[in-house]
Amino acid sequence: MHEYDMILRLVLAAVLGMLIGLEREWRGQSAGLRTHTLVAIGSALVMVTNLYLFEKYAGRANMDPTRMAAQVVSGIGFLGAGTIMRYGANVRGLTTAASI
C-alpha cells in the first residue's frame, strides 16, 4: 500500500466522520463533530496500519489480519455502550451508540 493510499483513506474517513458529526451537532445530540471524527480517524488508522503490517510481513510471520479489525469493533462497541444512559423509565443514547 502506497503512502498516498493511506493518506487518502485517512482523509476520507475524517471527512465522512465529520459529516456524521455535523449532522449530530445540528440536531443537538450528545456525540458530535469531534467524537465522530476521532472515532472514524482512529478506526481507519488501525485498519491502514493492519494492512501495511500484513503486506510487509506476509510470508515471514504467521499473521491473521482480521484480529486487529475484531479489536476495533470491540473497542467502538465499548465506546457506544458508554453513551447509553437510563433515566428512570427512559433510556437515552441508543441512537448515539448506533452512530458511533
PDB file of N, CA and C in Angstrom:
ATOM      1  N   MET A   1       0.849  -1.171   0.000  1.00  0.00           N
ATOM      2  CA  MET A   1       0.000   0.000   0.000  1.00  0.00           C
ATOM      3  C   MET A   1       0.897   1.237   0.000  1.00  0.00           C
ATOM      4  N   HIS A   2       0.638   2.136  -0.894  1.00  0.00           N
ATOM      5  CA  HIS A   2       1.418   3.359  -1.006  1.00  0.00           C
ATOM      6  C   HIS A   2       0.982   4.383   0.033  1.00  0.00           C
ATOM      7  N   GLU A   3       1.868   5.337   0.276  1.00  0.00           N
ATOM      8  CA  GLU A   3       1.568   6.381   1.257  1.00  0.00           C
ATOM      9  C   GLU A   3       0.355   7.205   0.842  1.00  0.00           C
ATOM     10  N   TYR A   4       0.203   7.419  -0.468  1.00  0.00           N
ATOM     11  CA  TYR A   4      -0.938   8.197  -0.946  1.00  0.00           C
ATOM     12  C   TYR A   4      -2.255   7.484  -0.667  1.00  0.00           C
ATOM     13  N   ASP A   5      -2.250   6.163  -0.790  1.00  0.00           N
ATOM     14  CA  ASP A   5      -3.454   5.392  -0.475  1.00  0.00           C
ATOM     15  C   ASP A   5      -3.808   5.516   0.996  1.00  0.00           C
ATOM     16  N   MET A   6      -2.785   5.450   1.847  1.00  0.00           N
ATOM     17  CA  MET A   6      -3.019   5.569   3.293  1.00  0.00           C
ATOM     18  C   MET A   6      -3.590   6.942   3.635  1.00  0.00           C
ATOM     19  N   ILE A   7      -2.976   7.977   3.084  1.00  0.00           N
ATOM     20  CA  ILE A   7      -3.434   9.335   3.364  1.00  0.00           C
ATOM     21  C   ILE A   7      -4.850   9.546   2.844  1.00  0.00           C
ATOM     22  N   LEU A   8      -5.129   9.045   1.648  1.00  0.00           N
ATOM     23  CA  LEU A   8      -6.466   9.171   1.081  1.00  0.00           C
ATOM     24  C   LEU A   8      -7.512   8.493   1.963  1.00  0.00           C
ATOM     25  N   ARG A   9      -7.208   7.318   2.455  1.00  0.00           N
ATOM     26  CA  ARG A   9      -8.159   6.605   3.317  1.00  0.00           C
ATOM     27  C   ARG A   9      -8.388   7.340   4.628  1.00  0.00           C
ATOM     28  N   LEU A  10      -7.324   7.890   5.196  1.00  0.00           N
ATOM     29  CA  LEU A  10      -7.470   8.628   6.452  1.00  0.00           C
ATOM     30  C   LEU A  10      -8.262   9.923   6.244  1.00  0.00           C
ATOM     31  N   VAL A  11      -7.990  10.622   5.162  1.00  0.00           N
ATOM     32  CA  VAL A  11      -8.717  11.861   4.885  1.00  0.00           C
ATOM     33  C   VAL A  11     -10.185  11.560   4.597  1.00  0.00           C
ATOM     34  N   LEU A  12     -10.447  10.515   3.836  1.00  0.00           N
ATOM     35  CA  LEU A  12     -11.829  10.129   3.552  1.00  0.00           C
ATOM     36  C   LEU A  12     -12.569   9.751   4.825  1.00  0.00           C
ATOM     37  N   ALA A  13     -11.912   9.019   5.715  1.00  0.00           N
ATOM     38  CA  ALA A  13     -12.533   8.670   6.996  1.00  0.00           C
ATOM     39  C   ALA A  13     -12.824   9.926   7.810  1.00  0.00           C
ATOM     40  N   ALA A  14     -11.890  10.880   7.805  1.00  0.00           N
ATOM     41  CA  ALA A  14     -12.094  12.127   8.551  1.00  0.00           C
ATOM     42  C   ALA A  14     -13.279  12.904   7.994  1.00  0.00           C
ATOM     43  N   VAL A  15     -13.360  13.011   6.680  1.00  0.00           N
ATOM     44  CA  VAL A  15     -14.456  13.772   6.063  1.00  0.00           C
ATOM     45  C   VAL A  15     -15.801  13.116   6.349  1.00  0.00           C
ATOM     46  N   LEU A  16     -15.874  11.800   6.197  1.00  0.00           N
ATOM     47  CA  LEU A  16     -17.146  11.114   6.456  1.00  0.00           C
ATOM     48  C   LEU A  16     -17.529  11.183   7.936  1.00  0.00           C
ATOM     49  N   GLY A  17     -16.538  11.053   8.827  1.00  0.00           N
ATOM     50  CA  GLY A  17     -16.813  11.209  10.252  1.00  0.00           C
ATOM     51  C   GLY A  17     -17.295  12.608  10.588  1.00  0.00           C
ATOM     52  N   MET A  18     -16.704  13.612   9.924  1.00  0.00           N
ATOM     53  CA  MET A  18     -17.134  14.997  10.140  1.00  0.00           C
ATOM     54  C   MET A  18     -18.567  15.217   9.669  1.00  0.00           C
ATOM     55  N   LEU A  19     -18.922  14.629   8.531  1.00  0.00           N
ATOM     56  CA  LEU A  19     -20.290  14.787   8.036  1.00  0.00           C
ATOM     57  C   LEU A  19     -21.309  14.208   9.009  1.00  0.00           C
ATOM     58  N   ILE A  20     -21.017  13.037   9.527  1.00  0.00           N
ATOM     59  CA  ILE A  20     -21.925  12.428  10.506  1.00  0.00           C
ATOM     60  C   ILE A  20     -21.967  13.273  11.769  1.00  0.00           C
ATOM     61  N   GLY A  21     -20.795  13.730  12.212  1.00  0.00           N
ATOM     62  CA  GLY A  21     -20.738  14.557  13.419  1.00  0.00           C
ATOM     63  C   GLY A  21     -21.450  15.888  13.269  1.00  0.00           C
ATOM     64  N   LEU A  22     -21.337  16.518  12.109  1.00  0.00           N
ATOM     65  CA  LEU A  22     -22.046  17.780  11.877  1.00  0.00           C
ATOM     66  C   LEU A  22     -23.555  17.594  11.931  1.00  0.00           C
ATOM     67  N   GLU A  23     -24.016  16.517  11.333  1.00  0.00           N
ATOM     68  CA  GLU A  23     -25.460  16.240  11.365  1.00  0.00           C
ATOM     69  C   GLU A  23     -25.928  16.029  12.802  1.00  0.00           C
ATOM     70  N   ARG A  24     -25.127  15.357  13.597  1.00  0.00           N
ATOM     71  CA  ARG A  24     -25.485  15.120  15.002  1.00  0.00           C
ATOM     72  C   ARG A  24     -25.483  16.431  15.792  1.00  0.00           C
ATOM     73  N   GLU A  25     -24.521  17.314  15.512  1.00  0.00           N
ATOM     74  CA  GLU A  25     -24.489  18.591  16.223  1.00  0.00           C
ATOM     75  C   GLU A  25     -25.652  19.480  15.836  1.00  0.00           C
ATOM     76  N   TRP A  26     -26.029  19.486  14.552  1.00  0.00           N
ATOM     77  CA  TRP A  26     -27.180  20.290  14.120  1.00  0.00           C
ATOM     78  C   TRP A  26     -28.447  19.853  14.831  1.00  0.00           C
ATOM     79  N   ARG A  27     -28.541  18.594  15.142  1.00  0.00           N
ATOM     80  CA  ARG A  27     -29.725  18.081  15.844  1.00  0.00           C
ATOM     81  C   ARG A  27     -29.595  18.185  17.363  1.00  0.00           C
ATOM     82  N   GLY A  28     -28.452  18.657  17.851  1.00  0.00           N
ATOM     83  CA  GLY A  28     -28.262  18.862  19.285  1.00  0.00           C
ATOM     84  C   GLY A  28     -28.031  17.586  20.066  1.00  0.00           C
ATOM     85  N   GLN A  29     -27.489  16.579  19.441  1.00  0.00           N
ATOM     86  CA  GLN A  29     -27.231  15.314  20.115  1.00  0.00           C
ATOM     87  C   GLN A  29     -25.889  15.348  20.834  1.00  0.00           C
ATOM     88  N   SER A  30     -25.682  14.372  21.717  1.00  0.00           N
ATOM     89  CA  SER A  30     -24.509  14.423  22.598  1.00  0.00           C
ATOM     90  C   SER A  30     -23.187  14.180  21.874  1.00  0.00           C
ATOM     91  N   ALA A  31     -23.068  13.154  21.066  1.00  0.00           N
ATOM     92  CA  ALA A  31     -21.811  12.880  20.356  1.00  0.00           C
ATOM     93  C   ALA A  31     -21.853  13.627  19.032  1.00  0.00           C
ATOM     94  N   GLY A  32     -20.928  14.563  18.878  1.00  0.00           N
ATOM     95  CA  GLY A  32     -20.983  15.417  17.693  1.00  0.00           C
ATOM     96  C   GLY A  32     -19.773  15.299  16.804  1.00  0.00           C
ATOM     97  N   LEU A  33     -19.319  16.436  16.338  1.00  0.00           N
ATOM     98  CA  LEU A  33     -18.266  16.522  15.331  1.00  0.00           C
ATOM     99  C   LEU A  33     -16.958  15.886  15.793  1.00  0.00           C
ATOM    100  N   ARG A  34     -16.457  16.287  16.935  1.00  0.00           N
ATOM    101  CA  ARG A  34     -15.167  15.769  17.392  1.00  0.00           C
ATOM    102  C   ARG A  34     -15.213  14.272  17.663  1.00  0.00           C
ATOM    103  N   THR A  35     -16.268  13.824  18.313  1.00  0.00           N
ATOM    104  CA  THR A  35     -16.365  12.407  18.658  1.00  0.00           C
ATOM    105  C   THR A  35     -16.374  11.538  17.418  1.00  0.00           C
ATOM    106  N   HIS A  36     -17.243  11.854  16.469  1.00  0.00           N
ATOM    107  CA  HIS A  36     -17.354  11.029  15.272  1.00  0.00           C
ATOM    108  C   HIS A  36     -16.102  11.126  14.390  1.00  0.00           C
ATOM    109  N   THR A  37     -15.496  12.299  14.339  1.00  0.00           N
ATOM    110  CA  THR A  37     -14.271  12.443  13.557  1.00  0.00           C
ATOM    111  C   THR A  37     -13.146  11.611  14.158  1.00  0.00           C
ATOM    112  N   LEU A  38     -12.977  11.684  15.467  1.00  0.00           N
ATOM    113  CA  LEU A  38     -11.911  10.922  16.118  1.00  0.00           C
ATOM    114  C   LEU A  38     -12.128   9.419  16.016  1.00  0.00           C
ATOM    115  N   VAL A  39     -13.361   8.978  16.164  1.00  0.00           N
ATOM    116  CA  VAL A  39     -13.652   7.550  16.039  1.00  0.00           C
ATOM    117  C   VAL A  39     -13.366   7.075  14.613  1.00  0.00           C
ATOM    118  N   ALA A  40     -13.771   7.861  13.624  1.00  0.00           N
ATOM    119  CA  ALA A  40     -13.547   7.482  12.227  1.00  0.00           C
ATOM    120  C   ALA A  40     -12.058   7.449  11.889  1.00  0.00           C
ATOM    121  N   ILE A  41     -11.313   8.473  12.302  1.00  0.00           N
ATOM    122  CA  ILE A  41      -9.875   8.513  12.012  1.00  0.00           C
ATOM    123  C   ILE A  41      -9.145   7.396  12.758  1.00  0.00           C
ATOM    124  N   GLY A  42      -9.490   7.189  14.003  1.00  0.00           N
ATOM    125  CA  GLY A  42      -8.847   6.127  14.787  1.00  0.00           C
ATOM    126  C   GLY A  42      -9.079   4.749  14.192  1.00  0.00           C
ATOM    127  N   SER A  43     -10.302   4.487  13.784  1.00  0.00           N
ATOM    128  CA  SER A  43     -10.611   3.189  13.166  1.00  0.00           C
ATOM    129  C   SER A  43      -9.876   3.016  11.845  1.00  0.00           C
ATOM    130  N   ALA A  44      -9.874   4.059  11.043  1.00  0.00           N
ATOM    131  CA  ALA A  44      -9.172   3.978   9.758  1.00  0.00           C
ATOM    132  C   ALA A  44      -7.675   3.810   9.964  1.00  0.00           C
ATOM    133  N   LEU A  45      -7.112   4.485  10.952  1.00  0.00           N
ATOM    134  CA  LEU A  45      -5.680   4.375  11.211  1.00  0.00           C
ATOM    135  C   LEU A  45      -5.297   2.964  11.628  1.00  0.00           C
ATOM    136  N   VAL A  46      -6.091   2.349  12.473  1.00  0.00           N
ATOM    137  CA  VAL A  46      -5.806   0.978  12.886  1.00  0.00           C
ATOM    138  C   VAL A  46      -5.895   0.035  11.694  1.00  0.00           C
ATOM    139  N   MET A  47      -6.894   0.220  10.838  1.00  0.00           N
ATOM    140  CA  MET A  47      -7.044  -0.668   9.687  1.00  0.00           C
ATOM    141  C   MET A  47      -5.945  -0.453   8.648  1.00  0.00           C
ATOM    142  N   VAL A  48      -5.537   0.792   8.429  1.00  0.00           N
ATOM    143  CA  VAL A  48      -4.446   1.065   7.494  1.00  0.00           C
ATOM    144  C   VAL A  48      -3.139   0.469   8.029  1.00  0.00           C
ATOM    145  N   THR A  49      -2.908   0.603   9.321  1.00  0.00           N
ATOM    146  CA  THR A  49      -1.727   0.001   9.936  1.00  0.00           C
ATOM    147  C   THR A  49      -1.753  -1.512   9.790  1.00  0.00           C
ATOM    148  N   ASN A  50      -2.924  -2.096   9.998  1.00  0.00           N
ATOM    149  CA  ASN A  50      -3.083  -3.535   9.851  1.00  0.00           C
ATOM    150  C   ASN A  50      -2.740  -3.985   8.434  1.00  0.00           C
ATOM    151  N   LEU A  51      -3.258  -3.288   7.437  1.00  0.00           N
ATOM    152  CA  LEU A  51      -2.956  -3.636   6.048  1.00  0.00           C
ATOM    153  C   LEU A  51      -1.470  -3.486   5.737  1.00  0.00           C
ATOM    154  N   TYR A  52      -0.871  -2.421   6.225  1.00  0.00           N
ATOM    155  CA  TYR A  52       0.550  -2.185   5.985  1.00  0.00           C
ATOM    156  C   TYR A  52       1.400  -3.304   6.594  1.00  0.00           C
ATOM    157  N   LEU A  53       1.118  -3.654   7.844  1.00  0.00           N
ATOM    158  CA  LEU A  53       1.886  -4.707   8.505  1.00  0.00           C
ATOM    159  C   LEU A  53       1.685  -6.057   7.835  1.00  0.00           C
ATOM    160  N   PHE A  54       0.456  -6.324   7.407  1.00  0.00           N
ATOM    161  CA  PHE A  54       0.191  -7.596   6.750  1.00  0.00           C
ATOM    162  C   PHE A  54       0.952  -7.705   5.435  1.00  0.00           C
ATOM    163  N   GLU A  55       0.992  -6.605   4.671  1.00  0.00           N
ATOM    164  CA  GLU A  55       1.747  -6.613   3.414  1.00  0.00           C
ATOM    165  C   GLU A  55       3.250  -6.714   3.655  1.00  0.00           C
ATOM    166  N   LYS A  56       3.730  -6.034   4.677  1.00  0.00           N
ATOM    167  CA  LYS A  56       5.165  -6.006   4.940  1.00  0.00           C
ATOM    168  C   LYS A  56       5.693  -7.351   5.421  1.00  0.00           C
ATOM    169  N   TYR A  57       4.932  -8.029   6.257  1.00  0.00           N
ATOM    170  CA  TYR A  57       5.405  -9.275   6.851  1.00  0.00           C
ATOM    171  C   TYR A  57       4.725 -10.518   6.277  1.00  0.00           C
ATOM    172  N   ALA A  58       4.086 -10.408   5.138  1.00  0.00           N
ATOM    173  CA  ALA A  58       3.427 -11.557   4.512  1.00  0.00           C
ATOM    174  C   ALA A  58       4.474 -12.611   4.152  1.00  0.00           C
ATOM    175  N   GLY A  59       4.243 -13.818   4.579  1.00  0.00           N
ATOM    176  CA  GLY A  59       5.156 -14.909   4.292  1.00  0.00           C
ATOM    177  C   GLY A  59       6.285 -15.060   5.287  1.00  0.00           C
ATOM    178  N   ARG A  60       6.581 -14.023   6.065  1.00  0.00           N
ATOM    179  CA  ARG A  60       7.662 -14.098   7.048  1.00  0.00           C
ATOM    180  C   ARG A  60       7.158 -14.368   8.453  1.00  0.00           C
ATOM    181  N   ALA A  61       5.905 -14.053   8.690  1.00  0.00           N
ATOM    182  CA  ALA A  61       5.335 -14.257  10.016  1.00  0.00           C
ATOM    183  C   ALA A  61       3.925 -14.804   9.860  1.00  0.00           C
ATOM    184  N   ASN A  62       3.519 -15.571  10.828  1.00  0.00           N
ATOM    185  CA  ASN A  62       2.170 -16.125  10.825  1.00  0.00           C
ATOM    186  C   ASN A  62       1.229 -15.061  11.384  1.00  0.00           C
ATOM    187  N   MET A  63       0.532 -14.355  10.490  1.00  0.00           N
ATOM    188  CA  MET A  63      -0.320 -13.241  10.903  1.00  0.00           C
ATOM    189  C   MET A  63      -1.757 -13.484  10.481  1.00  0.00           C
ATOM    190  N   ASP A  64      -2.651 -13.007  11.310  1.00  0.00           N
ATOM    191  CA  ASP A  64      -4.073 -13.046  10.994  1.00  0.00           C
ATOM    192  C   ASP A  64      -4.555 -11.596  10.884  1.00  0.00           C
ATOM    193  N   PRO A  65      -4.837 -11.122   9.673  1.00  0.00           N
ATOM    194  CA  PRO A  65      -5.194  -9.705   9.516  1.00  0.00           C
ATOM    195  C   PRO A  65      -6.550  -9.336  10.097  1.00  0.00           C
ATOM    196  N   THR A  66      -7.348 -10.293  10.462  1.00  0.00           N
ATOM    197  CA  THR A  66      -8.673  -9.972  10.992  1.00  0.00           C
ATOM    198  C   THR A  66      -8.665  -9.689  12.493  1.00  0.00           C
ATOM    199  N   ARG A  67      -7.574  -9.976  13.173  1.00  0.00           N
ATOM    200  CA  ARG A  67      -7.550  -9.767  14.623  1.00  0.00           C
ATOM    201  C   ARG A  67      -7.651  -8.300  15.010  1.00  0.00           C
ATOM    202  N   MET A  68      -6.923  -7.450  14.315  1.00  0.00           N
ATOM    203  CA  MET A  68      -6.997  -6.023  14.641  1.00  0.00           C
ATOM    204  C   MET A  68      -8.375  -5.464  14.335  1.00  0.00           C
ATOM    205  N   ALA A  69      -8.987  -5.924  13.258  1.00  0.00           N
ATOM    206  CA  ALA A  69     -10.336  -5.473  12.923  1.00  0.00           C
ATOM    207  C   ALA A  69     -11.324  -5.873  14.014  1.00  0.00           C
ATOM    208  N   ALA A  70     -11.170  -7.063  14.548  1.00  0.00           N
ATOM    209  CA  ALA A  70     -12.058  -7.507  15.625  1.00  0.00           C
ATOM    210  C   ALA A  70     -11.902  -6.642  16.867  1.00  0.00           C
ATOM    211  N   GLN A  71     -10.683  -6.218  17.146  1.00  0.00           N
ATOM    212  CA  GLN A  71     -10.458  -5.368  18.320  1.00  0.00           C
ATOM    213  C   GLN A  71     -11.006  -3.964  18.115  1.00  0.00           C
ATOM    214  N   VAL A  72     -10.978  -3.470  16.892  1.00  0.00           N
ATOM    215  CA  VAL A  72     -11.577  -2.166  16.595  1.00  0.00           C
ATOM    216  C   VAL A  72     -13.083  -2.229  16.848  1.00  0.00           C
ATOM    217  N   VAL A  73     -13.711  -3.275  16.388  1.00  0.00           N
ATOM    218  CA  VAL A  73     -15.158  -3.438  16.595  1.00  0.00           C
ATOM    219  C   VAL A  73     -15.473  -3.525  18.080  1.00  0.00           C
ATOM    220  N   SER A  74     -14.678  -4.266  18.831  1.00  0.00           N
ATOM    221  CA  SER A  74     -14.895  -4.377  20.273  1.00  0.00           C
ATOM    222  C   SER A  74     -14.723  -3.035  20.979  1.00  0.00           C
ATOM    223  N   GLY A  75     -13.682  -2.311  20.609  1.00  0.00           N
ATOM    224  CA  GLY A  75     -13.427  -1.014  21.245  1.00  0.00           C
ATOM    225  C   GLY A  75     -14.503   0.009  20.955  1.00  0.00           C
ATOM    226  N   ILE A  76     -14.964   0.062  19.723  1.00  0.00           N
ATOM    227  CA  ILE A  76     -16.017   1.014  19.378  1.00  0.00           C
ATOM    228  C   ILE A  76     -17.334   0.611  20.022  1.00  0.00           C
ATOM    229  N   GLY A  77     -17.570  -0.685  20.143  1.00  0.00           N
ATOM    230  CA  GLY A  77     -18.760  -1.148  20.862  1.00  0.00           C
ATOM    231  C   GLY A  77     -18.729  -0.721  22.319  1.00  0.00           C
ATOM    232  N   PHE A  78     -17.546  -0.751  22.925  1.00  0.00           N
ATOM    233  CA  PHE A  78     -17.380  -0.295  24.301  1.00  0.00           C
ATOM    234  C   PHE A  78     -17.679   1.198  24.421  1.00  0.00           C
ATOM    235  N   LEU A  79     -17.193   1.996  23.463  1.00  0.00           N
ATOM    236  CA  LEU A  79     -17.481   3.432  23.467  1.00  0.00           C
ATOM    237  C   LEU A  79     -18.976   3.689  23.310  1.00  0.00           C
ATOM    238  N   GLY A  80     -19.604   2.961  22.400  1.00  0.00           N
ATOM    239  CA  GLY A  80     -21.039   3.121  22.172  1.00  0.00           C
ATOM    240  C   GLY A  80     -21.848   2.750  23.397  1.00  0.00           C
ATOM    241  N   ALA A  81     -21.441   1.690  24.074  1.00  0.00           N
ATOM    242  CA  ALA A  81     -22.175   1.262  25.273  1.00  0.00           C
ATOM    243  C   ALA A  81     -22.093   2.312  26.376  1.00  0.00           C
ATOM    244  N   GLY A  82     -21.000   3.064  26.407  1.00  0.00           N
ATOM    245  CA  GLY A  82     -20.852   4.117  27.414  1.00  0.00           C
ATOM    246  C   GLY A  82     -21.757   5.304  27.192  1.00  0.00           C
ATOM    247  N   THR A  83     -22.333   5.434  26.021  1.00  0.00           N
ATOM    248  CA  THR A  83     -23.215   6.571  25.749  1.00  0.00           C
ATOM    249  C   THR A  83     -24.668   6.284  26.103  1.00  0.00           C
ATOM    250  N   ILE A  84     -24.994   5.042  26.396  1.00  0.00           N
ATOM    251  CA  ILE A  84     -26.380   4.679  26.731  1.00  0.00           C
ATOM    252  C   ILE A  84     -26.602   4.940  28.213  1.00  0.00           C
ATOM    253  N   MET A  85     -27.579   5.785  28.521  1.00  0.00           N
ATOM    254  CA  MET A  85     -27.900   6.143  29.897  1.00  0.00           C
ATOM    255  C   MET A  85     -29.369   5.847  30.192  1.00  0.00           C
ATOM    256  N   ARG A  86     -29.634   5.477  31.410  1.00  0.00           N
ATOM    257  CA  ARG A  86     -31.014   5.212  31.825  1.00  0.00           C
ATOM    258  C   ARG A  86     -31.428   6.257  32.846  1.00  0.00           C
ATOM    259  N   TYR A  87     -32.544   6.904  32.571  1.00  0.00           N
ATOM    260  CA  TYR A  87     -33.113   7.905  33.470  1.00  0.00           C
ATOM    261  C   TYR A  87     -34.503   7.433  33.870  1.00  0.00           C
ATOM    262  N   GLY A  88     -34.593   6.749  34.991  1.00  0.00           N
ATOM    263  CA  GLY A  88     -35.882   6.216  35.416  1.00  0.00           C
ATOM    264  C   GLY A  88     -36.384   5.187  34.422  1.00  0.00           C
ATOM    265  N   ALA A  89     -37.538   5.461  33.830  1.00  0.00           N
ATOM    266  CA  ALA A  89     -38.106   4.543  32.844  1.00  0.00           C
ATOM    267  C   ALA A  89     -37.620   4.851  31.429  1.00  0.00           C
ATOM    268  N   ASN A  90     -36.891   5.953  31.262  1.00  0.00           N
ATOM    269  CA  ASN A  90     -36.420   6.360  29.933  1.00  0.00           C
ATOM    270  C   ASN A  90     -34.980   5.913  29.693  1.00  0.00           C
ATOM    271  N   VAL A  91     -34.702   5.566  28.454  1.00  0.00           N
ATOM    272  CA  VAL A  91     -33.353   5.211  28.042  1.00  0.00           C
ATOM    273  C   VAL A  91     -32.935   6.201  26.960  1.00  0.00           C
ATOM    274  N   ARG A  92     -31.756   6.821  27.146  1.00  0.00           N
ATOM    275  CA  ARG A  92     -31.260   7.797  26.176  1.00  0.00           C
ATOM    276  C   ARG A  92     -29.905   7.348  25.655  1.00  0.00           C
ATOM    277  N   GLY A  93     -29.604   7.723  24.436  1.00  0.00           N
ATOM    278  CA  GLY A  93     -28.289   7.457  23.881  1.00  0.00           C
ATOM    279  C   GLY A  93     -28.217   6.270  22.940  1.00  0.00           C
ATOM    280  N   LEU A  94     -29.330   5.646  22.649  1.00  0.00           N
ATOM    281  CA  LEU A  94     -29.297   4.478  21.754  1.00  0.00           C
ATOM    282  C   LEU A  94     -28.886   4.873  20.339  1.00  0.00           C
ATOM    283  N   THR A  95     -29.412   5.991  19.842  1.00  0.00           N
ATOM    284  CA  THR A  95     -29.043   6.438  18.502  1.00  0.00           C
ATOM    285  C   THR A  95     -27.590   6.890  18.471  1.00  0.00           C
ATOM    286  N   THR A  96     -27.137   7.532  19.531  1.00  0.00           N
ATOM    287  CA  THR A  96     -25.736   7.941  19.623  1.00  0.00           C
ATOM    288  C   THR A  96     -24.828   6.726  19.618  1.00  0.00           C
ATOM    289  N   ALA A  97     -25.175   5.699  20.355  1.00  0.00           N
ATOM    290  CA  ALA A  97     -24.381   4.476  20.388  1.00  0.00           C
ATOM    291  C   ALA A  97     -24.347   3.826  19.003  1.00  0.00           C
ATOM    292  N   ALA A  98     -25.465   3.818  18.329  1.00  0.00           N
ATOM    293  CA  ALA A  98     -25.507   3.225  16.995  1.00  0.00           C
ATOM    294  C   ALA A  98     -24.698   4.047  15.991  1.00  0.00           C
ATOM    295  N   SER A  99     -24.700   5.356  16.133  1.00  0.00           N
ATOM    296  CA  SER A  99     -23.949   6.178  15.181  1.00  0.00           C
ATOM    297  C   SER A  99     -22.443   6.056  15.402  1.00  0.00           C
ATOM    298  N   ILE A 100     -22.041   5.858  16.632  1.00  0.00           N
ATOM    299  CA  ILE A 100     -20.606   5.655  16.910  1.00  0.00           C
ATOM    300  C   ILE A 100     -20.207   4.306  16.374  1.00  0.00           C
TER     301      ILE A 100
END
